[in-house]
Amino acid sequence: MPVYAAAVARLEIPDLDDAVLTRLRESARQRGISLEDEVCRLLTEAMGLTREVFSKKAAALRAHQRPNRTRAVDLIREDRDR
């Protein structure tokens, strides 16, 4: 199991939505780690996602998708003409 904390830190998030907290707890439970370790994991991943890395991941996702040749104006006209 990776260790994310190099130093002791304290973080309070006063207005965190209950639904977000519930999802964080569930994610931690599924991984078999503490809530704190899950938050550290997510923050560490998020901070490592640079613009360059994000662009490469987005390009890889786009490469696996079929191109969409439909124009929005055509969809609007089709809907209007119904």
N, C-alpha and C. Protein backbone atom coordinates (compact mmCIF):
# COMPACT_ATOMS: atom_id res chain seq x y z
N MET A 1 0.85 -1.19 0.00
CA MET A 1 0.00 0.00 0.00
C MET A 1 0.89 1.24 0.00
N PRO A 2 0.66 2.16 -0.93
CA PRO A 2 1.51 3.35 -1.00
C PRO A 2 1.30 4.27 0.19
N VAL A 3 2.36 4.95 0.52
CA VAL A 3 2.30 5.94 1.59
C VAL A 3 2.28 7.32 0.95
N TYR A 4 1.25 8.11 1.25
CA TYR A 4 1.10 9.42 0.62
C TYR A 4 1.57 10.56 1.50
N ALA A 5 1.60 10.35 2.80
CA ALA A 5 1.92 11.46 3.70
C ALA A 5 3.40 11.42 4.07
N ALA A 6 4.09 12.49 3.74
CA ALA A 6 5.49 12.61 4.12
C ALA A 6 5.60 13.40 5.42
N ALA A 7 4.59 14.17 5.72
CA ALA A 7 4.58 14.97 6.93
C ALA A 7 3.14 15.02 7.44
N VAL A 8 3.00 15.31 8.70
CA VAL A 8 1.67 15.41 9.28
C VAL A 8 1.07 16.75 8.87
N ALA A 9 -0.14 16.69 8.32
CA ALA A 9 -0.84 17.91 7.93
C ALA A 9 -2.27 17.82 8.41
N ARG A 10 -2.88 18.96 8.59
CA ARG A 10 -4.26 18.99 9.03
C ARG A 10 -5.03 19.86 8.03
N LEU A 11 -6.18 19.36 7.61
CA LEU A 11 -6.97 20.05 6.63
C LEU A 11 -8.43 19.97 7.05
N GLU A 12 -9.08 21.11 7.11
CA GLU A 12 -10.51 21.14 7.41
C GLU A 12 -11.24 21.68 6.20
N ILE A 13 -12.35 21.03 5.86
CA ILE A 13 -13.18 21.47 4.75
C ILE A 13 -14.57 21.69 5.31
N PRO A 14 -14.87 22.92 5.75
CA PRO A 14 -16.10 23.17 6.49
C PRO A 14 -17.39 23.00 5.71
N ASP A 15 -17.40 23.29 4.42
CA ASP A 15 -18.65 23.24 3.66
C ASP A 15 -18.72 22.06 2.70
N LEU A 16 -18.05 20.96 3.04
CA LEU A 16 -18.06 19.79 2.17
C LEU A 16 -19.46 19.18 2.17
N ASP A 17 -19.99 18.97 0.99
CA ASP A 17 -21.32 18.42 0.82
C ASP A 17 -21.37 17.00 1.40
N ASP A 18 -22.47 16.68 2.08
CA ASP A 18 -22.62 15.36 2.69
C ASP A 18 -22.54 14.24 1.66
N ALA A 19 -23.06 14.47 0.48
CA ALA A 19 -23.03 13.45 -0.57
C ALA A 19 -21.59 13.16 -1.00
N VAL A 20 -20.77 14.19 -1.04
CA VAL A 20 -19.35 14.01 -1.40
C VAL A 20 -18.65 13.20 -0.32
N LEU A 21 -18.91 13.54 0.92
CA LEU A 21 -18.30 12.80 2.03
C LEU A 21 -18.72 11.34 2.01
N THR A 22 -19.98 11.09 1.73
CA THR A 22 -20.48 9.72 1.65
C THR A 22 -19.77 8.95 0.54
N ARG A 23 -19.60 9.60 -0.61
CA ARG A 23 -18.91 8.93 -1.73
C ARG A 23 -17.44 8.69 -1.41
N LEU A 24 -16.81 9.63 -0.72
CA LEU A 24 -15.41 9.44 -0.31
C LEU A 24 -15.28 8.26 0.64
N ARG A 25 -16.18 8.18 1.60
CA ARG A 25 -16.15 7.07 2.56
C ARG A 25 -16.36 5.73 1.85
N GLU A 26 -17.29 5.69 0.90
CA GLU A 26 -17.56 4.46 0.17
C GLU A 26 -16.36 4.06 -0.68
N SER A 27 -15.74 5.02 -1.32
CA SER A 27 -14.56 4.74 -2.13
C SER A 27 -13.43 4.19 -1.25
N ALA A 28 -13.24 4.79 -0.10
CA ALA A 28 -12.21 4.31 0.84
C ALA A 28 -12.53 2.90 1.31
N ARG A 29 -13.80 2.65 1.62
CA ARG A 29 -14.20 1.31 2.09
C ARG A 29 -13.93 0.27 1.01
N GLN A 30 -14.26 0.59 -0.24
CA GLN A 30 -14.04 -0.35 -1.33
C GLN A 30 -12.57 -0.65 -1.55
N ARG A 31 -11.71 0.32 -1.27
CA ARG A 31 -10.27 0.12 -1.42
C ARG A 31 -9.65 -0.50 -0.16
N GLY A 32 -10.41 -0.53 0.91
CA GLY A 32 -9.89 -1.08 2.16
C GLY A 32 -8.90 -0.17 2.84
N ILE A 33 -9.10 1.14 2.68
CA ILE A 33 -8.21 2.11 3.31
C ILE A 33 -9.03 3.11 4.11
N SER A 34 -8.36 3.93 4.88
CA SER A 34 -9.05 4.93 5.69
C SER A 34 -9.52 6.08 4.82
N LEU A 35 -10.47 6.83 5.34
CA LEU A 35 -10.96 8.01 4.64
C LEU A 35 -9.80 8.97 4.39
N GLU A 36 -8.95 9.16 5.38
CA GLU A 36 -7.81 10.07 5.23
C GLU A 36 -6.87 9.62 4.12
N ASP A 37 -6.61 8.30 4.04
CA ASP A 37 -5.73 7.79 2.99
C ASP A 37 -6.37 7.98 1.61
N GLU A 38 -7.69 7.81 1.54
CA GLU A 38 -8.37 8.00 0.26
C GLU A 38 -8.29 9.46 -0.19
N VAL A 39 -8.51 10.38 0.73
CA VAL A 39 -8.42 11.81 0.38
C VAL A 39 -6.99 12.15 -0.04
N CYS A 40 -6.00 11.63 0.66
CA CYS A 40 -4.60 11.87 0.29
C CYS A 40 -4.31 11.31 -1.10
N ARG A 41 -4.83 10.12 -1.39
CA ARG A 41 -4.62 9.51 -2.70
C ARG A 41 -5.21 10.38 -3.81
N LEU A 42 -6.45 10.83 -3.61
CA LEU A 42 -7.12 11.64 -4.61
C LEU A 42 -6.42 12.98 -4.82
N LEU A 43 -6.02 13.62 -3.74
CA LEU A 43 -5.32 14.91 -3.87
C LEU A 43 -3.97 14.74 -4.55
N THR A 44 -3.26 13.67 -4.21
CA THR A 44 -1.97 13.41 -4.83
C THR A 44 -2.12 13.17 -6.32
N GLU A 45 -3.13 12.38 -6.70
CA GLU A 45 -3.39 12.14 -8.13
C GLU A 45 -3.77 13.44 -8.84
N ALA A 46 -4.63 14.21 -8.22
CA ALA A 46 -5.10 15.45 -8.84
C ALA A 46 -3.95 16.43 -9.04
N MET A 47 -3.06 16.52 -8.10
CA MET A 47 -1.96 17.47 -8.21
C MET A 47 -0.92 17.02 -9.23
N GLY A 48 -0.89 15.73 -9.52
CA GLY A 48 0.05 15.22 -10.51
C GLY A 48 -0.48 15.32 -11.93
N LEU A 49 -1.74 15.70 -12.08
CA LEU A 49 -2.35 15.78 -13.39
C LEU A 49 -2.07 17.16 -14.00
N THR A 50 -0.96 17.25 -14.68
CA THR A 50 -0.59 18.52 -15.31
C THR A 50 -1.40 18.71 -16.60
N ARG A 51 -1.34 19.88 -17.16
CA ARG A 51 -2.05 20.16 -18.42
C ARG A 51 -1.57 19.22 -19.52
N GLU A 52 -0.27 18.95 -19.55
CA GLU A 52 0.28 18.07 -20.58
C GLU A 52 -0.25 16.65 -20.42
N VAL A 53 -0.25 16.14 -19.18
CA VAL A 53 -0.76 14.80 -18.92
C VAL A 53 -2.25 14.73 -19.25
N PHE A 54 -2.99 15.75 -18.84
CA PHE A 54 -4.43 15.78 -19.12
C PHE A 54 -4.67 15.76 -20.64
N SER A 55 -3.92 16.55 -21.38
CA SER A 55 -4.08 16.61 -22.83
C SER A 55 -3.81 15.26 -23.47
N LYS A 56 -2.79 14.57 -23.00
CA LYS A 56 -2.47 13.25 -23.54
C LYS A 56 -3.58 12.24 -23.24
N LYS A 57 -4.12 12.29 -22.02
CA LYS A 57 -5.21 11.38 -21.66
C LYS A 57 -6.46 11.70 -22.47
N ALA A 58 -6.75 12.96 -22.65
CA ALA A 58 -7.92 13.36 -23.44
C ALA A 58 -7.76 12.93 -24.89
N ALA A 59 -6.57 13.07 -25.44
CA ALA A 59 -6.33 12.65 -26.83
C ALA A 59 -6.49 11.15 -26.98
N ALA A 60 -6.04 10.40 -25.99
CA ALA A 60 -6.19 8.94 -26.04
C ALA A 60 -7.67 8.55 -26.00
N LEU A 61 -8.46 9.24 -25.18
CA LEU A 61 -9.90 8.97 -25.13
C LEU A 61 -10.57 9.31 -26.45
N ARG A 62 -10.22 10.46 -27.03
CA ARG A 62 -10.80 10.86 -28.31
C ARG A 62 -10.45 9.88 -29.42
N ALA A 63 -9.26 9.30 -29.37
CA ALA A 63 -8.82 8.37 -30.40
C ALA A 63 -9.69 7.11 -30.43
N HIS A 64 -10.29 6.77 -29.30
CA HIS A 64 -11.13 5.57 -29.22
C HIS A 64 -12.60 5.84 -29.52
N GLN A 65 -12.96 7.07 -29.78
CA GLN A 65 -14.35 7.42 -30.04
C GLN A 65 -14.58 7.62 -31.53
N ARG A 66 -15.80 7.31 -31.96
CA ARG A 66 -16.17 7.59 -33.34
C ARG A 66 -16.38 9.09 -33.48
N PRO A 67 -15.99 9.65 -34.61
CA PRO A 67 -16.22 11.08 -34.82
C PRO A 67 -17.72 11.37 -34.95
N ASN A 68 -18.14 12.47 -34.42
CA ASN A 68 -19.53 12.90 -34.50
C ASN A 68 -19.61 13.98 -35.57
N ARG A 69 -20.26 13.64 -36.67
CA ARG A 69 -20.34 14.57 -37.79
C ARG A 69 -21.63 15.40 -37.78
N THR A 70 -22.48 15.17 -36.80
CA THR A 70 -23.75 15.88 -36.73
C THR A 70 -23.51 17.33 -36.29
N ARG A 71 -24.12 18.24 -37.02
CA ARG A 71 -24.01 19.66 -36.66
C ARG A 71 -25.19 20.04 -35.78
N ALA A 72 -24.95 20.86 -34.81
CA ALA A 72 -26.00 21.28 -33.88
C ALA A 72 -27.14 21.96 -34.60
N VAL A 73 -26.82 22.77 -35.60
CA VAL A 73 -27.87 23.49 -36.32
C VAL A 73 -28.81 22.51 -37.02
N ASP A 74 -28.29 21.41 -37.52
CA ASP A 74 -29.14 20.40 -38.16
C ASP A 74 -30.08 19.75 -37.16
N LEU A 75 -29.59 19.48 -35.97
CA LEU A 75 -30.44 18.89 -34.92
C LEU A 75 -31.54 19.85 -34.51
N ILE A 76 -31.21 21.12 -34.40
CA ILE A 76 -32.20 22.12 -34.00
C ILE A 76 -33.27 22.24 -35.07
N ARG A 77 -32.86 22.27 -36.33
CA ARG A 77 -33.85 22.37 -37.42
C ARG A 77 -34.74 21.13 -37.46
N GLU A 78 -34.14 19.97 -37.28
CA GLU A 78 -34.91 18.72 -37.29
C GLU A 78 -35.94 18.72 -36.18
N ASP A 79 -35.55 19.15 -35.01
CA ASP A 79 -36.46 19.20 -33.88
C ASP A 79 -37.57 20.23 -34.13
N ARG A 80 -37.22 21.36 -34.68
CA ARG A 80 -38.18 22.43 -34.94
C ARG A 80 -39.22 22.00 -35.97
N ASP A 81 -38.80 21.21 -36.96
CA ASP A 81 -39.68 20.80 -38.04
C ASP A 81 -40.61 19.65 -37.67
N ARG A 82 -40.51 19.11 -36.49
CA ARG A 82 -41.41 18.02 -36.07
C ARG A 82 -42.79 18.51 -35.81
